[in-house]
C-alpha atoms as a PDB file:
ATOM      1  CA  MET A   1       0.001   0.023  -0.016  1.00  0.00           C
ATOM      2  CA  PRO A   2       1.397   3.372  -1.057  1.00  0.00           C
ATOM      3  CA  ASN A   3       0.991   5.342   2.329  1.00  0.00           C
ATOM      4  CA  SER A   4       1.745   2.473   4.746  1.00  0.00           C
ATOM      5  CA  MET A   5       4.589   2.586   7.198  1.00  0.00           C
ATOM      6  CA  ARG A   6       5.737  -0.053   9.581  1.00  0.00           C
ATOM      7  CA  CYS A   7       5.904   1.553  13.022  1.00  0.00           C
ATOM      8  CA  PHE A   8       6.911  -1.250  15.281  1.00  0.00           C
ATOM      9  CA  GLU A   9       8.031  -4.824  15.151  1.00  0.00           C
ATOM     10  CA  ASN A  10       9.276  -7.555  17.556  1.00  0.00           C
ATOM     11  CA  SER A  11       9.303 -11.311  17.589  1.00  0.00           C
ATOM     12  CA  ALA A  12       5.594 -11.410  18.363  1.00  0.00           C
ATOM     13  CA  GLY A  13       4.364  -9.282  15.420  1.00  0.00           C
ATOM     14  CA  TYR A  14       4.318  -5.847  13.782  1.00  0.00           C
ATOM     15  CA  ILE A  15       2.184  -2.843  13.538  1.00  0.00           C
ATOM     16  CA  VAL A  16       1.663  -0.825  10.273  1.00  0.00           C
ATOM     17  CA  ASN A  17       0.116   2.584  10.007  1.00  0.00           C
ATOM     18  CA  HIS A  18      -2.187   2.733   6.851  1.00  0.00           C
ATOM     19  CA  GLY A  19      -3.269   6.248   7.464  1.00  0.00           C
ATOM     20  CA  HIS A  20      -6.921   5.658   8.178  1.00  0.00           C
ATOM     21  CA  TYR A  21      -6.298   2.537  10.205  1.00  0.00           C
ATOM     22  CA  MET A  22      -3.598   0.631  12.088  1.00  0.00           C
ATOM     23  CA  ARG A  23      -2.873  -2.974  11.129  1.00  0.00           C
ATOM     24  CA  LEU A  24      -1.477  -5.464  13.641  1.00  0.00           C
ATOM     25  CA  VAL A  25      -0.085  -8.500  12.201  1.00  0.00           C
ATOM     26  CA  TRP A  26       0.882 -11.493  14.543  1.00  0.00           C
ATOM     27  CA  HIS A  27       3.998 -13.598  13.563  1.00  0.00           C
ATOM     28  CA  PRO A  28       3.273 -17.395  13.261  1.00  0.00           C
ATOM     29  CA  GLY A  29       4.571 -19.747  15.885  1.00  0.00           C
ATOM     30  CA  GLU A  30       5.193 -19.364  19.553  1.00  0.00           C
ATOM     31  CA  ARG A  31       5.518 -15.883  20.990  1.00  0.00           C
ATOM     32  CA  ALA A  32       6.865 -14.847  24.405  1.00  0.00           C
ATOM     33  CA  ASP A  33       4.280 -13.175  26.739  1.00  0.00           C
ATOM     34  CA  PRO A  34       6.341  -9.983  27.184  1.00  0.00           C
ATOM     35  CA  ASP A  35       6.664  -9.524  23.417  1.00  0.00           C
ATOM     36  CA  ILE A  36       2.970  -9.951  22.930  1.00  0.00           C
ATOM     37  CA  MET A  37       2.287  -7.384  25.694  1.00  0.00           C
ATOM     38  CA  GLU A  38       4.857  -5.023  24.183  1.00  0.00           C
ATOM     39  CA  VAL A  39       3.177  -5.114  20.692  1.00  0.00           C
ATOM     40  CA  LEU A  40      -0.273  -4.427  22.274  1.00  0.00           C
ATOM     41  CA  ASN A  41       1.073  -1.564  24.406  1.00  0.00           C
ATOM     42  CA  ARG A  42       2.826   0.031  21.419  1.00  0.00           C
ATOM     43  CA  LEU A  43      -0.498  -0.299  19.454  1.00  0.00           C
ATOM     44  CA  LEU A  44      -2.283   1.633  22.064  1.00  0.00           C
ATOM     45  CA  GLU A  45       0.474   4.301  22.276  1.00  0.00           C
ATOM     46  CA  LEU A  46       0.689   4.654  18.493  1.00  0.00           C
ATOM     47  CA  GLY A  47      -3.167   4.918  18.106  1.00  0.00           C
ATOM     48  CA  GLN A  48      -3.131   7.804  20.721  1.00  0.00           C
ATOM     49  CA  GLN A  49      -0.192   9.570  19.187  1.00  0.00           C
ATOM     50  CA  LEU A  50      -1.495   9.373  15.596  1.00  0.00           C
ATOM     51  CA  GLY A  51      -5.080   9.876  16.326  1.00  0.00           C
ATOM     52  CA  ILE A  52      -6.063   6.619  14.489  1.00  0.00           C
ATOM     53  CA  ASP A  53      -9.190   4.916  16.023  1.00  0.00           C
ATOM     54  CA  ARG A  54      -9.547   2.070  13.554  1.00  0.00           C
ATOM     55  CA  LEU A  55      -7.703  -1.220  13.804  1.00  0.00           C
ATOM     56  CA  LEU A  56      -7.193  -4.274  11.571  1.00  0.00           C
ATOM     57  CA  VAL A  57      -5.908  -7.312  13.420  1.00  0.00           C
ATOM     58  CA  ASP A  58      -4.476 -10.112  11.290  1.00  0.00           C
ATOM     59  CA  GLN A  59      -4.513 -13.403  13.398  1.00  0.00           C
ATOM     60  CA  GLY A  60      -4.161 -15.650  10.299  1.00  0.00           C
ATOM     61  CA  LEU A  61      -1.163 -17.723  11.310  1.00  0.00           C
ATOM     62  CA  MET A  62      -1.087 -16.819  14.946  1.00  0.00           C
ATOM     63  CA  SER A  63      -0.764 -19.488  17.695  1.00  0.00           C
ATOM     64  CA  SER A  64      -2.738 -19.319  20.897  1.00  0.00           C
ATOM     65  CA  SER A  65      -1.504 -17.109  23.826  1.00  0.00           C
ATOM     66  CA  SER A  66      -0.947 -18.021  27.451  1.00  0.00           C
ATOM     67  CA  VAL A  67      -3.874 -17.783  29.788  1.00  0.00           C
ATOM     68  CA  GLU A  68      -1.868 -15.018  31.587  1.00  0.00           C
ATOM     69  CA  VAL A  69      -1.769 -12.888  28.445  1.00  0.00           C
ATOM     70  CA  GLU A  70      -5.427 -13.427  27.742  1.00  0.00           C
ATOM     71  CA  VAL A  71      -6.371 -12.360  31.216  1.00  0.00           C
ATOM     72  CA  TRP A  72      -4.071  -9.369  30.975  1.00  0.00           C
ATOM     73  CA  PHE A  73      -5.547  -8.434  27.611  1.00  0.00           C
ATOM     74  CA  LYS A  74      -9.163  -8.625  28.744  1.00  0.00           C
ATOM     75  CA  TYR A  75      -8.813  -6.984  32.176  1.00  0.00           C
ATOM     76  CA  ASP A  76      -5.880  -4.656  31.721  1.00  0.00           C
ATOM     77  CA  TRP A  77      -5.164  -3.649  28.178  1.00  0.00           C
ATOM     78  CA  LEU A  78      -8.776  -3.486  27.087  1.00  0.00           C
ATOM     79  CA  SER A  79      -9.698  -1.320  30.100  1.00  0.00           C
ATOM     80  CA  ARG A  80      -6.793   1.030  29.406  1.00  0.00           C
ATOM     81  CA  ALA A  81      -7.723   1.097  25.681  1.00  0.00           C
ATOM     82  CA  ARG A  82     -11.277   1.968  26.596  1.00  0.00           C
ATOM     83  CA  LEU A  83     -10.254   4.696  29.089  1.00  0.00           C
ATOM     84  CA  GLN A  84      -7.250   6.268  27.271  1.00  0.00           C
ATOM     85  CA  PHE A  85      -8.209   5.837  23.717  1.00  0.00           C
ATOM     86  CA  ASP A  86     -11.497   4.340  22.650  1.00  0.00           C
ATOM     87  CA  PHE A  87     -10.937   2.601  19.235  1.00  0.00           C
ATOM     88  CA  GLY A  88     -13.825   3.303  16.913  1.00  0.00           C
ATOM     89  CA  ALA A  89     -13.759   0.136  14.979  1.00  0.00           C
ATOM     90  CA  ALA A  90     -11.826  -3.085  14.777  1.00  0.00           C
ATOM     91  CA  ALA A  91     -11.807  -5.783  12.040  1.00  0.00           C
ATOM     92  CA  ILE A  92     -10.297  -9.096  12.837  1.00  0.00           C
ATOM     93  CA  LEU A  93      -8.981 -11.478  10.286  1.00  0.00           C
ATOM     94  CA  SER A  94      -9.605 -14.828  12.148  1.00  0.00           C
ATOM     95  CA  SER A  95      -6.968 -17.358  12.768  1.00  0.00           C
ATOM     96  CA  GLN A  96      -6.617 -20.749  11.265  1.00  0.00           C
ATOM     97  CA  ASN A  97      -6.051 -22.078  14.780  1.00  0.00           C
ATOM     98  CA  LEU A  98      -9.237 -23.127  16.482  1.00  0.00           C
ATOM     99  CA  LEU A  99      -7.911 -22.192  19.928  1.00  0.00           C
ATOM    100  CA  VAL A 100      -7.189 -18.689  18.835  1.00  0.00           C
ATOM    101  CA  ARG A 101     -10.725 -18.377  17.236  1.00  0.00           C
ATOM    102  CA  LEU A 102     -12.224 -19.607  20.517  1.00  0.00           C
ATOM    103  CA  ALA A 103     -10.175 -17.162  22.583  1.00  0.00           C
ATOM    104  CA  THR A 104     -11.348 -14.364  20.126  1.00  0.00           C
ATOM    105  CA  MET A 105     -14.916 -15.227  20.730  1.00  0.00           C
ATOM    106  CA  GLY A 106     -14.350 -15.025  24.466  1.00  0.00           C
ATOM    107  CA  MET A 107     -12.861 -11.582  24.114  1.00  0.00           C
ATOM    108  CA  LEU A 108     -15.744 -10.468  21.954  1.00  0.00           C
ATOM    109  CA  ARG A 109     -18.207 -11.767  24.529  1.00  0.00           C
ATOM    110  CA  HIS A 110     -16.290  -9.638  27.120  1.00  0.00           C
ATOM    111  CA  LEU A 111     -16.520  -6.583  24.836  1.00  0.00           C
ATOM    112  CA  LEU A 112     -20.360  -6.831  24.596  1.00  0.00           C
ATOM    113  CA  GLY A 113     -20.644  -5.103  27.960  1.00  0.00           C
ATOM    114  CA  TRP A 114     -18.931  -1.918  26.595  1.00  0.00           C
ATOM    115  CA  ALA A 115     -21.138   1.050  26.082  1.00  0.00           C
ATOM    116  CA  GLY A 116     -20.207   3.584  23.350  1.00  0.00           C
ATOM    117  CA  THR A 117     -19.537   3.505  19.731  1.00  0.00           C
ATOM    118  CA  PHE A 118     -16.921   0.805  19.377  1.00  0.00           C
ATOM    119  CA  GLN A 119     -17.626  -1.643  16.778  1.00  0.00           C
ATOM    120  CA  ILE A 120     -15.918  -4.944  16.025  1.00  0.00           C
ATOM    121  CA  ARG A 121     -16.416  -7.549  13.257  1.00  0.00           C
ATOM    122  CA  VAL A 122     -14.658 -10.803  12.540  1.00  0.00           C
ATOM    123  CA  PHE A 123     -13.800 -11.772   8.925  1.00  0.00           C
ATOM    124  CA  SER A 124     -12.263 -15.048   7.800  1.00  0.00           C
ATOM    125  CA  THR A 125      -8.554 -14.883   6.760  1.00  0.00           C
ATOM    126  CA  GLY A 126      -9.500 -14.821   2.975  1.00  0.00           C
ATOM    127  CA  GLN A 127     -11.646 -11.718   3.421  1.00  0.00           C
ATOM    128  CA  GLN A 128      -8.978  -9.091   3.831  1.00  0.00           C
ATOM    129  CA  GLN A 129     -10.342  -6.767   1.172  1.00  0.00           C
ATOM    130  CA  ALA A 130     -13.821  -7.055   2.786  1.00  0.00           C
ATOM    131  CA  ALA A 131     -12.469  -6.264   6.178  1.00  0.00           C
ATOM    132  CA  ILE A 132     -10.511  -3.140   4.955  1.00  0.00           C
ATOM    133  CA  ALA A 133     -13.577  -2.046   2.999  1.00  0.00           C
ATOM    134  CA  TRP A 134     -15.773  -2.361   6.240  1.00  0.00           C
ATOM    135  CA  LEU A 135     -13.102  -0.745   8.438  1.00  0.00           C
ATOM    136  CA  THR A 136     -12.575   2.342   6.182  1.00  0.00           C
ATOM    137  CA  GLN A 137     -16.301   3.137   5.708  1.00  0.00           C
ATOM    138  CA  HIS A 138     -17.274   6.433   7.266  1.00  0.00           C
ATOM    139  CA  ARG A 139     -19.159   4.697  10.029  1.00  0.00           C
ATOM    140  CA  PRO A 140     -18.761   0.898   9.976  1.00  0.00           C
ATOM    141  CA  GLN A 141     -21.958  -0.980  10.582  1.00  0.00           C
ATOM    142  CA  ALA A 142     -21.640  -4.192  12.707  1.00  0.00           C
END
């Protein structure tokens, strides 16, 4: 993409700024918990700094995370994201890994309690263009 810029990368994944949205791509295979947490924290910081409130998460080849990371994500990171910088919309390209898909569904159930304008939609891995089109609409419809 012509206006995209890789903003951060470590062994867990990388973040790309596409101008209207941020893209988080998880690397395949095992990832260390501190690296996963670092990517997610950087994502929040970059979203705040750049004023970008839309997110595309590519879980395509991602392996499942530890229970500790899942708990941290649900009860620490999501709370901070909500209080500090409420993402407007997120599109998730679902993983080929069943355990990752199940964990994602658990996270979505957790988010159902959120009030506000945040919208999230899950797409299959092969629906990248549909996910980007939905995400870049003026006001995505769930």
